PDB file of N, CA and C in Angstrom:
ATOM      1  N   MET A   1       0.824  -1.191   0.000  1.00  0.00           N
ATOM      2  CA  MET A   1       0.000   0.000   0.000  1.00  0.00           C
ATOM      3  C   MET A   1       0.874   1.264   0.000  1.00  0.00           C
ATOM      4  N   SER A   2       1.976   1.192   0.738  1.00  0.00           N
ATOM      5  CA  SER A   2       2.881   2.346   0.793  1.00  0.00           C
ATOM      6  C   SER A   2       3.538   2.612  -0.554  1.00  0.00           C
ATOM      7  N   TRP A   3       3.847   1.546  -1.299  1.00  0.00           N
ATOM      8  CA  TRP A   3       4.436   1.725  -2.617  1.00  0.00           C
ATOM      9  C   TRP A   3       3.460   2.402  -3.575  1.00  0.00           C
ATOM     10  N   ALA A   4       2.216   2.012  -3.525  1.00  0.00           N
ATOM     11  CA  ALA A   4       1.201   2.623  -4.395  1.00  0.00           C
ATOM     12  C   ALA A   4       1.012   4.095  -4.033  1.00  0.00           C
ATOM     13  N   ALA A   5       0.939   4.380  -2.742  1.00  0.00           N
ATOM     14  CA  ALA A   5       0.778   5.767  -2.298  1.00  0.00           C
ATOM     15  C   ALA A   5       1.999   6.601  -2.691  1.00  0.00           C
ATOM     16  N   GLY A   6       3.180   6.041  -2.493  1.00  0.00           N
ATOM     17  CA  GLY A   6       4.400   6.756  -2.868  1.00  0.00           C
ATOM     18  C   GLY A   6       4.490   7.021  -4.354  1.00  0.00           C
ATOM     19  N   THR A   7       4.060   6.045  -5.155  1.00  0.00           N
ATOM     20  CA  THR A   7       4.069   6.211  -6.611  1.00  0.00           C
ATOM     21  C   THR A   7       3.106   7.317  -7.032  1.00  0.00           C
ATOM     22  N   LEU A   8       1.911   7.325  -6.457  1.00  0.00           N
ATOM     23  CA  LEU A   8       0.942   8.376  -6.789  1.00  0.00           C
ATOM     24  C   LEU A   8       1.462   9.757  -6.394  1.00  0.00           C
ATOM     25  N   ILE A   9       2.071   9.848  -5.224  1.00  0.00           N
ATOM     26  CA  ILE A   9       2.597  11.135  -4.763  1.00  0.00           C
ATOM     27  C   ILE A   9       3.749  11.592  -5.647  1.00  0.00           C
ATOM     28  N   LEU A  10       4.611  10.673  -6.025  1.00  0.00           N
ATOM     29  CA  LEU A  10       5.728  11.024  -6.898  1.00  0.00           C
ATOM     30  C   LEU A  10       5.239  11.463  -8.280  1.00  0.00           C
ATOM     31  N   LEU A  11       4.266  10.766  -8.846  1.00  0.00           N
ATOM     32  CA  LEU A  11       3.708  11.168 -10.145  1.00  0.00           C
ATOM     33  C   LEU A  11       3.047  12.544 -10.062  1.00  0.00           C
ATOM     34  N   GLY A  12       2.324  12.779  -8.974  1.00  0.00           N
ATOM     35  CA  GLY A  12       1.700  14.094  -8.787  1.00  0.00           C
ATOM     36  C   GLY A  12       2.730  15.199  -8.672  1.00  0.00           C
ATOM     37  N   ALA A  13       3.824  14.924  -7.951  1.00  0.00           N
ATOM     38  CA  ALA A  13       4.883  15.924  -7.807  1.00  0.00           C
ATOM     39  C   ALA A  13       5.567  16.183  -9.152  1.00  0.00           C
ATOM     40  N   LEU A  14       5.754  15.141  -9.954  1.00  0.00           N
ATOM     41  CA  LEU A  14       6.356  15.322 -11.275  1.00  0.00           C
ATOM     42  C   LEU A  14       5.461  16.143 -12.198  1.00  0.00           C
ATOM     43  N   LEU A  15       4.163  15.922 -12.123  1.00  0.00           N
ATOM     44  CA  LEU A  15       3.243  16.737 -12.932  1.00  0.00           C
ATOM     45  C   LEU A  15       3.259  18.198 -12.493  1.00  0.00           C
ATOM     46  N   ALA A  16       3.270  18.432 -11.205  1.00  0.00           N
ATOM     47  CA  ALA A  16       3.344  19.812 -10.712  1.00  0.00           C
ATOM     48  C   ALA A  16       4.664  20.458 -11.134  1.00  0.00           C
ATOM     49  N   PHE A  17       5.747  19.682 -11.092  1.00  0.00           N
ATOM     50  CA  PHE A  17       7.049  20.202 -11.518  1.00  0.00           C
ATOM     51  C   PHE A  17       7.050  20.518 -13.013  1.00  0.00           C
ATOM     52  N   SER A  18       6.420  19.666 -13.815  1.00  0.00           N
ATOM     53  CA  SER A  18       6.372  19.941 -15.257  1.00  0.00           C
ATOM     54  C   SER A  18       5.585  21.216 -15.545  1.00  0.00           C
ATOM     55  N   GLY A  19       4.536  21.470 -14.755  1.00  0.00           N
ATOM     56  CA  GLY A  19       3.810  22.729 -14.891  1.00  0.00           C
ATOM     57  C   GLY A  19       4.681  23.920 -14.544  1.00  0.00           C
ATOM     58  N   SER A  20       5.529  23.769 -13.547  1.00  0.00           N
ATOM     59  CA  SER A  20       6.452  24.836 -13.172  1.00  0.00           C
ATOM     60  C   SER A  20       7.486  25.087 -14.258  1.00  0.00           C
ATOM     61  N   LEU A  21       7.962  24.017 -14.878  1.00  0.00           N
ATOM     62  CA  LEU A  21       8.903  24.188 -15.993  1.00  0.00           C
ATOM     63  C   LEU A  21       8.248  24.928 -17.156  1.00  0.00           C
ATOM     64  N   GLY A  22       6.991  24.601 -17.435  1.00  0.00           N
ATOM     65  CA  GLY A  22       6.268  25.307 -18.487  1.00  0.00           C
ATOM     66  C   GLY A  22       6.125  26.783 -18.174  1.00  0.00           C
ATOM     67  N   LEU A  23       5.920  27.091 -16.920  1.00  0.00           N
ATOM     68  CA  LEU A  23       5.820  28.493 -16.491  1.00  0.00           C
ATOM     69  C   LEU A  23       7.131  29.221 -16.736  1.00  0.00           C
ATOM     70  N   ALA A  24       8.230  28.559 -16.470  1.00  0.00           N
ATOM     71  CA  ALA A  24       9.534  29.197 -16.606  1.00  0.00           C
ATOM     72  C   ALA A  24      10.018  29.279 -18.060  1.00  0.00           C
ATOM     73  N   ARG A  25       9.639  28.340 -18.900  1.00  0.00           N
ATOM     74  CA  ARG A  25      10.233  28.241 -20.233  1.00  0.00           C
ATOM     75  C   ARG A  25       9.421  28.910 -21.342  1.00  0.00           C
ATOM     76  N   LEU A  26       8.126  29.022 -21.192  1.00  0.00           N
ATOM     77  CA  LEU A  26       7.321  29.580 -22.278  1.00  0.00           C
ATOM     78  C   LEU A  26       7.440  31.102 -22.317  1.00  0.00           C
ATOM     79  N   LYS A  27       7.135  31.688 -23.483  1.00  0.00           N
ATOM     80  CA  LYS A  27       7.454  33.090 -23.720  1.00  0.00           C
ATOM     81  C   LYS A  27       6.365  34.081 -23.300  1.00  0.00           C
ATOM     82  N   THR A  28       5.151  33.888 -23.771  1.00  0.00           N
ATOM     83  CA  THR A  28       4.107  34.881 -23.503  1.00  0.00           C
ATOM     84  C   THR A  28       3.279  34.485 -22.285  1.00  0.00           C
ATOM     85  N   PHE A  29       2.595  35.466 -21.739  1.00  0.00           N
ATOM     86  CA  PHE A  29       1.748  35.218 -20.577  1.00  0.00           C
ATOM     87  C   PHE A  29       0.692  34.160 -20.887  1.00  0.00           C
ATOM     88  N   TYR A  30       0.118  34.247 -22.067  1.00  0.00           N
ATOM     89  CA  TYR A  30      -0.960  33.327 -22.434  1.00  0.00           C
ATOM     90  C   TYR A  30      -0.459  31.879 -22.555  1.00  0.00           C
ATOM     91  N   GLU A  31       0.776  31.715 -22.964  1.00  0.00           N
ATOM     92  CA  GLU A  31       1.362  30.373 -22.998  1.00  0.00           C
ATOM     93  C   GLU A  31       1.740  29.919 -21.592  1.00  0.00           C
ATOM     94  N   ARG A  32       2.251  30.843 -20.778  1.00  0.00           N
ATOM     95  CA  ARG A  32       2.746  30.501 -19.444  1.00  0.00           C
ATOM     96  C   ARG A  32       1.658  30.136 -18.454  1.00  0.00           C
ATOM     97  N   VAL A  33       0.482  30.642 -18.626  1.00  0.00           N
ATOM     98  CA  VAL A  33      -0.566  30.427 -17.629  1.00  0.00           C
ATOM     99  C   VAL A  33      -1.174  29.025 -17.725  1.00  0.00           C
ATOM    100  N   HIS A  34      -1.066  28.376 -18.848  1.00  0.00           N
ATOM    101  CA  HIS A  34      -1.727  27.084 -19.044  1.00  0.00           C
ATOM    102  C   HIS A  34      -1.031  25.898 -18.360  1.00  0.00           C
ATOM    103  N   PRO A  35       0.277  25.683 -18.526  1.00  0.00           N
ATOM    104  CA  PRO A  35       0.898  24.493 -17.913  1.00  0.00           C
ATOM    105  C   PRO A  35       0.770  24.407 -16.393  1.00  0.00           C
ATOM    106  N   PRO A  36       0.968  25.486 -15.644  1.00  0.00           N
ATOM    107  CA  PRO A  36       0.806  25.348 -14.196  1.00  0.00           C
ATOM    108  C   PRO A  36      -0.620  24.976 -13.796  1.00  0.00           C
ATOM    109  N   THR A  37      -1.591  25.462 -14.551  1.00  0.00           N
ATOM    110  CA  THR A  37      -2.971  25.134 -14.247  1.00  0.00           C
ATOM    111  C   THR A  37      -3.224  23.646 -14.426  1.00  0.00           C
ATOM    112  N   MET A  38      -2.773  23.104 -15.529  1.00  0.00           N
ATOM    113  CA  MET A  38      -2.991  21.679 -15.780  1.00  0.00           C
ATOM    114  C   MET A  38      -2.167  20.817 -14.827  1.00  0.00           C
ATOM    115  N   GLY A  39      -0.914  21.197 -14.617  1.00  0.00           N
ATOM    116  CA  GLY A  39      -0.064  20.444 -13.701  1.00  0.00           C
ATOM    117  C   GLY A  39      -0.574  20.465 -12.276  1.00  0.00           C
ATOM    118  N   THR A  40      -1.081  21.610 -11.863  1.00  0.00           N
ATOM    119  CA  THR A  40      -1.608  21.731 -10.504  1.00  0.00           C
ATOM    120  C   THR A  40      -2.855  20.889 -10.323  1.00  0.00           C
ATOM    121  N   THR A  41      -3.758  20.936 -11.277  1.00  0.00           N
ATOM    122  CA  THR A  41      -5.011  20.203 -11.135  1.00  0.00           C
ATOM    123  C   THR A  41      -4.782  18.697 -11.071  1.00  0.00           C
ATOM    124  N   LEU A  42      -4.095  18.145 -12.038  1.00  0.00           N
ATOM    125  CA  LEU A  42      -3.866  16.700 -12.056  1.00  0.00           C
ATOM    126  C   LEU A  42      -2.842  16.287 -11.001  1.00  0.00           C
ATOM    127  N   GLY A  43      -1.785  17.071 -10.832  1.00  0.00           N
ATOM    128  CA  GLY A  43      -0.771  16.760  -9.832  1.00  0.00           C
ATOM    129  C   GLY A  43      -1.339  16.753  -8.420  1.00  0.00           C
ATOM    130  N   THR A  44      -2.164  17.734  -8.104  1.00  0.00           N
ATOM    131  CA  THR A  44      -2.797  17.781  -6.786  1.00  0.00           C
ATOM    132  C   THR A  44      -3.725  16.601  -6.596  1.00  0.00           C
ATOM    133  N   GLY A  45      -4.450  16.233  -7.636  1.00  0.00           N
ATOM    134  CA  GLY A  45      -5.341  15.074  -7.541  1.00  0.00           C
ATOM    135  C   GLY A  45      -4.586  13.796  -7.223  1.00  0.00           C
ATOM    136  N   LEU A  46      -3.461  13.581  -7.888  1.00  0.00           N
ATOM    137  CA  LEU A  46      -2.673  12.378  -7.622  1.00  0.00           C
ATOM    138  C   LEU A  46      -2.048  12.398  -6.229  1.00  0.00           C
ATOM    139  N   ILE A  47      -1.564  13.558  -5.804  1.00  0.00           N
ATOM    140  CA  ILE A  47      -0.987  13.674  -4.460  1.00  0.00           C
ATOM    141  C   ILE A  47      -2.059  13.415  -3.401  1.00  0.00           C
ATOM    142  N   LEU A  48      -3.237  13.968  -3.587  1.00  0.00           N
ATOM    143  CA  LEU A  48      -4.320  13.748  -2.622  1.00  0.00           C
ATOM    144  C   LEU A  48      -4.769  12.294  -2.620  1.00  0.00           C
ATOM    145  N   LEU A  49      -4.807  11.666  -3.778  1.00  0.00           N
ATOM    146  CA  LEU A  49      -5.164  10.252  -3.843  1.00  0.00           C
ATOM    147  C   LEU A  49      -4.139   9.388  -3.109  1.00  0.00           C
ATOM    148  N   GLY A  50      -2.855   9.688  -3.306  1.00  0.00           N
ATOM    149  CA  GLY A  50      -1.806   8.984  -2.578  1.00  0.00           C
ATOM    150  C   GLY A  50      -1.895   9.206  -1.084  1.00  0.00           C
ATOM    151  N   SER A  51      -2.212  10.419  -0.676  1.00  0.00           N
ATOM    152  CA  SER A  51      -2.372  10.736   0.741  1.00  0.00           C
ATOM    153  C   SER A  51      -3.556   9.985   1.343  1.00  0.00           C
ATOM    154  N   MET A  52      -4.663   9.939   0.620  1.00  0.00           N
ATOM    155  CA  MET A  52      -5.831   9.196   1.104  1.00  0.00           C
ATOM    156  C   MET A  52      -5.504   7.713   1.261  1.00  0.00           C
ATOM    157  N   LEU A  53      -4.807   7.173   0.292  1.00  0.00           N
ATOM    158  CA  LEU A  53      -4.443   5.769   0.338  1.00  0.00           C
ATOM    159  C   LEU A  53      -3.515   5.470   1.524  1.00  0.00           C
ATOM    160  N   HIS A  54      -2.506   6.315   1.715  1.00  0.00           N
ATOM    161  CA  HIS A  54      -1.539   6.113   2.793  1.00  0.00           C
ATOM    162  C   HIS A  54      -2.185   6.212   4.167  1.00  0.00           C
ATOM    163  N   PHE A  55      -2.918   7.284   4.403  1.00  0.00           N
ATOM    164  CA  PHE A  55      -3.484   7.475   5.733  1.00  0.00           C
ATOM    165  C   PHE A  55      -4.669   6.554   6.012  1.00  0.00           C
ATOM    166  N   SER A  56      -5.368   6.125   4.970  1.00  0.00           N
ATOM    167  CA  SER A  56      -6.425   5.127   5.179  1.00  0.00           C
ATOM    168  C   SER A  56      -5.816   3.798   5.622  1.00  0.00           C
ATOM    169  N   ALA A  57      -4.694   3.421   5.036  1.00  0.00           N
ATOM    170  CA  ALA A  57      -4.027   2.177   5.439  1.00  0.00           C
ATOM    171  C   ALA A  57      -3.390   2.320   6.814  1.00  0.00           C
ATOM    172  N   LEU A  58      -2.836   3.494   7.106  1.00  0.00           N
ATOM    173  CA  LEU A  58      -2.162   3.721   8.382  1.00  0.00           C
ATOM    174  C   LEU A  58      -3.135   3.737   9.553  1.00  0.00           C
ATOM    175  N   GLU A  59      -4.284   4.365   9.358  1.00  0.00           N
ATOM    176  CA  GLU A  59      -5.255   4.501  10.445  1.00  0.00           C
ATOM    177  C   GLU A  59      -6.328   3.418  10.423  1.00  0.00           C
ATOM    178  N   ALA A  60      -6.314   2.532   9.444  1.00  0.00           N
ATOM    179  CA  ALA A  60      -7.271   1.422   9.323  1.00  0.00           C
ATOM    180  C   ALA A  60      -8.721   1.896   9.258  1.00  0.00           C
ATOM    181  N   ARG A  61      -8.914   3.049   8.673  1.00  0.00           N
ATOM    182  CA  ARG A  61     -10.250   3.591   8.430  1.00  0.00           C
ATOM    183  C   ARG A  61     -10.165   4.513   7.221  1.00  0.00           C
ATOM    184  N   PRO A  62     -11.257   4.692   6.516  1.00  0.00           N
ATOM    185  CA  PRO A  62     -11.202   5.584   5.345  1.00  0.00           C
ATOM    186  C   PRO A  62     -10.961   7.043   5.759  1.00  0.00           C
ATOM    187  N   VAL A  63      -9.995   7.659   5.139  1.00  0.00           N
ATOM    188  CA  VAL A  63      -9.707   9.076   5.363  1.00  0.00           C
ATOM    189  C   VAL A  63     -10.170   9.806   4.107  1.00  0.00           C
ATOM    190  N   LEU A  64     -11.209  10.587   4.253  1.00  0.00           N
ATOM    191  CA  LEU A  64     -11.847  11.187   3.077  1.00  0.00           C
ATOM    192  C   LEU A  64     -11.815  12.713   3.045  1.00  0.00           C
ATOM    193  N   HIS A  65     -11.216  13.355   4.046  1.00  0.00           N
ATOM    194  CA  HIS A  65     -11.254  14.816   4.042  1.00  0.00           C
ATOM    195  C   HIS A  65     -10.421  15.411   2.903  1.00  0.00           C
ATOM    196  N   GLU A  66      -9.526  14.623   2.303  1.00  0.00           N
ATOM    197  CA  GLU A  66      -8.772  15.111   1.149  1.00  0.00           C
ATOM    198  C   GLU A  66      -9.675  15.323  -0.075  1.00  0.00           C
ATOM    199  N   ILE A  67     -10.799  14.653  -0.099  1.00  0.00           N
ATOM    200  CA  ILE A  67     -11.743  14.846  -1.210  1.00  0.00           C
ATOM    201  C   ILE A  67     -12.210  16.300  -1.250  1.00  0.00           C
ATOM    202  N   LEU A  68     -12.445  16.879  -0.085  1.00  0.00           N
ATOM    203  CA  LEU A  68     -12.864  18.282  -0.010  1.00  0.00           C
ATOM    204  C   LEU A  68     -11.776  19.204  -0.568  1.00  0.00           C
ATOM    205  N   ILE A  69     -10.534  18.923  -0.225  1.00  0.00           N
ATOM    206  CA  ILE A  69      -9.420  19.708  -0.759  1.00  0.00           C
ATOM    207  C   ILE A  69      -9.378  19.572  -2.284  1.00  0.00           C
ATOM    208  N   GLY A  70      -9.544  18.361  -2.776  1.00  0.00           N
ATOM    209  CA  GLY A  70      -9.535  18.122  -4.215  1.00  0.00           C
ATOM    210  C   GLY A  70     -10.660  18.845  -4.938  1.00  0.00           C
ATOM    211  N   VAL A  71     -11.838  18.863  -4.335  1.00  0.00           N
ATOM    212  CA  VAL A  71     -12.973  19.569  -4.946  1.00  0.00           C
ATOM    213  C   VAL A  71     -12.683  21.064  -5.029  1.00  0.00           C
ATOM    214  N   PHE A  72     -12.167  21.640  -3.943  1.00  0.00           N
ATOM    215  CA  PHE A  72     -11.850  23.072  -3.965  1.00  0.00           C
ATOM    216  C   PHE A  72     -10.759  23.394  -4.985  1.00  0.00           C
ATOM    217  N   MET A  73      -9.740  22.550  -5.083  1.00  0.00           N
ATOM    218  CA  MET A  73      -8.671  22.783  -6.062  1.00  0.00           C
ATOM    219  C   MET A  73      -9.195  22.628  -7.491  1.00  0.00           C
ATOM    220  N   THR A  74     -10.020  21.621  -7.719  1.00  0.00           N
ATOM    221  CA  THR A  74     -10.550  21.385  -9.058  1.00  0.00           C
ATOM    222  C   THR A  74     -11.466  22.520  -9.506  1.00  0.00           C
ATOM    223  N   LEU A  75     -12.191  23.112  -8.571  1.00  0.00           N
ATOM    224  CA  LEU A  75     -13.076  24.217  -8.919  1.00  0.00           C
ATOM    225  C   LEU A  75     -12.353  25.557  -8.998  1.00  0.00           C
ATOM    226  N   SER A  76     -11.424  25.805  -8.096  1.00  0.00           N
ATOM    227  CA  SER A  76     -10.810  27.130  -8.038  1.00  0.00           C
ATOM    228  C   SER A  76      -9.687  27.332  -9.052  1.00  0.00           C
ATOM    229  N   THR A  77      -8.933  26.310  -9.395  1.00  0.00           N
ATOM    230  CA  THR A  77      -7.812  26.491 -10.318  1.00  0.00           C
ATOM    231  C   THR A  77      -8.261  26.908 -11.715  1.00  0.00           C
ATOM    232  N   PRO A  78      -9.217  26.231 -12.356  1.00  0.00           N
ATOM    233  CA  PRO A  78      -9.646  26.694 -13.683  1.00  0.00           C
ATOM    234  C   PRO A  78     -10.337  28.064 -13.662  1.00  0.00           C
ATOM    235  N   VAL A  79     -11.048  28.362 -12.596  1.00  0.00           N
ATOM    236  CA  VAL A  79     -11.706  29.668 -12.496  1.00  0.00           C
ATOM    237  C   VAL A  79     -10.652  30.770 -12.397  1.00  0.00           C
ATOM    238  N   THR A  80      -9.610  30.534 -11.600  1.00  0.00           N
ATOM    239  CA  THR A  80      -8.529  31.501 -11.487  1.00  0.00           C
ATOM    240  C   THR A  80      -7.835  31.692 -12.826  1.00  0.00           C
ATOM    241  N   TYR A  81      -7.593  30.589 -13.533  1.00  0.00           N
ATOM    242  CA  TYR A  81      -6.984  30.637 -14.859  1.00  0.00           C
ATOM    243  C   TYR A  81      -7.819  31.513 -15.795  1.00  0.00           C
ATOM    244  N   LEU A  82      -9.106  31.278 -15.807  1.00  0.00           N
ATOM    245  CA  LEU A  82      -9.995  32.025 -16.690  1.00  0.00           C
ATOM    246  C   LEU A  82      -9.993  33.517 -16.349  1.00  0.00           C
ATOM    247  N   LEU A  83     -10.037  33.849 -15.072  1.00  0.00           N
ATOM    248  CA  LEU A  83     -10.039  35.255 -14.671  1.00  0.00           C
ATOM    249  C   LEU A  83      -8.716  35.948 -15.009  1.00  0.00           C
ATOM    250  N   LEU A  84      -7.594  35.272 -14.808  1.00  0.00           N
ATOM    251  CA  LEU A  84      -6.294  35.850 -15.156  1.00  0.00           C
ATOM    252  C   LEU A  84      -6.190  36.125 -16.654  1.00  0.00           C
ATOM    253  N   VAL A  85      -6.627  35.186 -17.465  1.00  0.00           N
ATOM    254  CA  VAL A  85      -6.541  35.363 -18.918  1.00  0.00           C
ATOM    255  C   VAL A  85      -7.472  36.474 -19.382  1.00  0.00           C
ATOM    256  N   ARG A  86      -8.661  36.534 -18.824  1.00  0.00           N
ATOM    257  CA  ARG A  86      -9.589  37.613 -19.222  1.00  0.00           C
ATOM    258  C   ARG A  86      -9.053  38.978 -18.827  1.00  0.00           C
ATOM    259  N   ALA A  87      -8.447  39.084 -17.648  1.00  0.00           N
ATOM    260  CA  ALA A  87      -7.873  40.362 -17.214  1.00  0.00           C
ATOM    261  C   ALA A  87      -6.709  40.762 -18.124  1.00  0.00           C
ATOM    262  N   ALA A  88      -5.860  39.811 -18.481  1.00  0.00           N
ATOM    263  CA  ALA A  88      -4.734  40.106 -19.366  1.00  0.00           C
ATOM    264  C   ALA A  88      -5.226  40.484 -20.761  1.00  0.00           C
ATOM    265  N   LEU A  89      -6.237  39.800 -21.239  1.00  0.00           N
ATOM    266  CA  LEU A  89      -6.807  40.107 -22.549  1.00  0.00           C
ATOM    267  C   LEU A  89      -7.411  41.510 -22.555  1.00  0.00           C
ATOM    268  N   HIS A  90      -8.112  41.855 -21.507  1.00  0.00           N
ATOM    269  CA  HIS A  90      -8.691  43.203 -21.388  1.00  0.00           C
ATOM    270  C   HIS A  90      -7.581  44.255 -21.363  1.00  0.00           C
ATOM    271  N   ARG A  91      -6.523  44.002 -20.590  1.00  0.00           N
ATOM    272  CA  ARG A  91      -5.400  44.936 -20.505  1.00  0.00           C
ATOM    273  C   ARG A  91      -4.731  45.108 -21.865  1.00  0.00           C
ATOM    274  N   ASP A  92      -4.485  44.003 -22.566  1.00  0.00           N
ATOM    275  CA  ASP A  92      -3.820  44.090 -23.862  1.00  0.00           C
ATOM    276  C   ASP A  92      -4.669  44.829 -24.884  1.00  0.00           C
ATOM    277  N   ARG A  93      -5.955  44.575 -24.882  1.00  0.00           N
ATOM    278  CA  ARG A  93      -6.840  45.278 -25.825  1.00  0.00           C
ATOM    279  C   ARG A  93      -6.932  46.758 -25.496  1.00  0.00           C
ATOM    280  N   ALA A  94      -6.939  47.104 -24.206  1.00  0.00           N
ATOM    281  CA  ALA A  94      -7.006  48.513 -23.804  1.00  0.00           C
ATOM    282  C   ALA A  94      -5.747  49.262 -24.218  1.00  0.00           C
ATOM    283  N   LYS A  95      -4.615  48.580 -24.232  1.00  0.00           N
ATOM    284  CA  LYS A  95      -3.351  49.209 -24.631  1.00  0.00           C
ATOM    285  C   LYS A  95      -3.113  49.105 -26.129  1.00  0.00           C
ATOM    286  N   GLY A  96      -4.027  48.464 -26.853  1.00  0.00           N
ATOM    287  CA  GLY A  96      -3.906  48.361 -28.303  1.00  0.00           C
ATOM    288  C   GLY A  96      -2.904  47.321 -28.763  1.00  0.00           C
ATOM    289  N   ARG A  97      -2.623  46.333 -27.920  1.00  0.00           N
ATOM    290  CA  ARG A  97      -1.678  45.271 -28.297  1.00  0.00           C
ATOM    291  C   ARG A  97      -2.431  44.050 -28.789  1.00  0.00           C
ATOM    292  N   ASP A  98      -1.773  43.333 -29.686  1.00  0.00           N
ATOM    293  CA  ASP A  98      -2.304  42.058 -30.169  1.00  0.00           C
ATOM    294  C   ASP A  98      -2.019  41.013 -29.094  1.00  0.00           C
ATOM    295  N   PRO A  99      -3.055  40.392 -28.524  1.00  0.00           N
ATOM    296  CA  PRO A  99      -2.829  39.443 -27.441  1.00  0.00           C
ATOM    297  C   PRO A  99      -2.025  38.209 -27.839  1.00  0.00           C
ATOM    298  N   LEU A 100      -2.019  37.852 -29.112  1.00  0.00           N
ATOM    299  CA  LEU A 100      -1.300  36.656 -29.534  1.00  0.00           C
ATOM    300  C   LEU A 100       0.180  36.896 -29.770  1.00  0.00           C
ATOM    301  N   HIS A 101       0.556  38.112 -30.142  1.00  0.00           N
ATOM    302  CA  HIS A 101       1.946  38.356 -30.521  1.00  0.00           C
ATOM    303  C   HIS A 101       2.617  39.446 -29.697  1.00  0.00           C
ATOM    304  N   GLY A 102       1.852  40.223 -28.951  1.00  0.00           N
ATOM    305  CA  GLY A 102       2.445  41.263 -28.136  1.00  0.00           C
ATOM    306  C   GLY A 102       2.745  42.547 -28.907  1.00  0.00           C
ATOM    307  N   ALA A 103       2.577  42.541 -30.216  1.00  0.00           N
ATOM    308  CA  ALA A 103       2.830  43.726 -31.030  1.00  0.00           C
ATOM    309  C   ALA A 103       1.569  44.583 -31.071  1.00  0.00           C
ATOM    310  N   PRO A 104       1.727  45.871 -31.286  1.00  0.00           N
ATOM    311  CA  PRO A 104       0.542  46.722 -31.441  1.00  0.00           C
ATOM    312  C   PRO A 104      -0.302  46.243 -32.611  1.00  0.00           C
ATOM    313  N   GLU A 105      -1.613  46.306 -32.456  1.00  0.00           N
ATOM    314  CA  GLU A 105      -2.496  45.848 -33.517  1.00  0.00           C
ATOM    315  C   GLU A 105      -2.296  46.710 -34.751  1.00  0.00           C
ATOM    316  N   GLY A 106      -2.279  46.082 -35.898  1.00  0.00           N
ATOM    317  CA  GLY A 106      -2.041  46.782 -37.154  1.00  0.00           C
ATOM    318  C   GLY A 106      -0.565  46.874 -37.485  1.00  0.00           C
ATOM    319  N   ASP A 107       0.321  46.563 -36.527  1.00  0.00           N
ATOM    320  CA  ASP A 107       1.760  46.627 -36.737  1.00  0.00           C
ATOM    321  C   ASP A 107       2.349  45.219 -36.580  1.00  0.00           C
ATOM    322  N   GLN A 108       1.810  44.277 -37.350  1.00  0.00           N
ATOM    323  CA  GLN A 108       2.198  42.879 -37.232  1.00  0.00           C
ATOM    324  C   GLN A 108       3.531  42.572 -37.913  1.00  0.00           C
ATOM    325  N   GLY A 109       3.904  43.361 -38.897  1.00  0.00           N
ATOM    326  CA  GLY A 109       5.128  43.072 -39.638  1.00  0.00           C
ATOM    327  C   GLY A 109       4.903  41.892 -40.583  1.00  0.00           C
ATOM    328  N   GLU A 110       5.948  41.486 -41.250  1.00  0.00           N
ATOM    329  CA  GLU A 110       5.848  40.357 -42.163  1.00  0.00           C
ATOM    330  C   GLU A 110       6.058  39.065 -41.410  1.00  0.00           C
ATOM    331  N   ARG A 111       5.325  38.046 -41.857  1.00  0.00           N
ATOM    332  CA  ARG A 111       5.457  36.725 -41.215  1.00  0.00           C
ATOM    333  C   ARG A 111       5.973  35.733 -42.179  1.00  0.00           C
TER     334      ARG A 111
END
């Protein structure tokens, strides 16, 4: 049981780490905001599942309060993502920038 819990926790940590790498390596805000959101959602789910498995085996009773944490993370992370992107999109449009390329609209240059 400990091996299964450890494997789930390690996989969750690797997914969260991959989201962090995406945050550090991608260029624009719109590209950077996506990997941490996905890594956090799935990574947190796997870590919580591993935690539930470990403590349920350790205490010989079902430990389910991690489900509440998972529900809050699953609901709040995508909502936060959506609000951040909408705010950035509003800011870029107000400043006259193209949200996809960062250049002023109408001044795209040759591609």
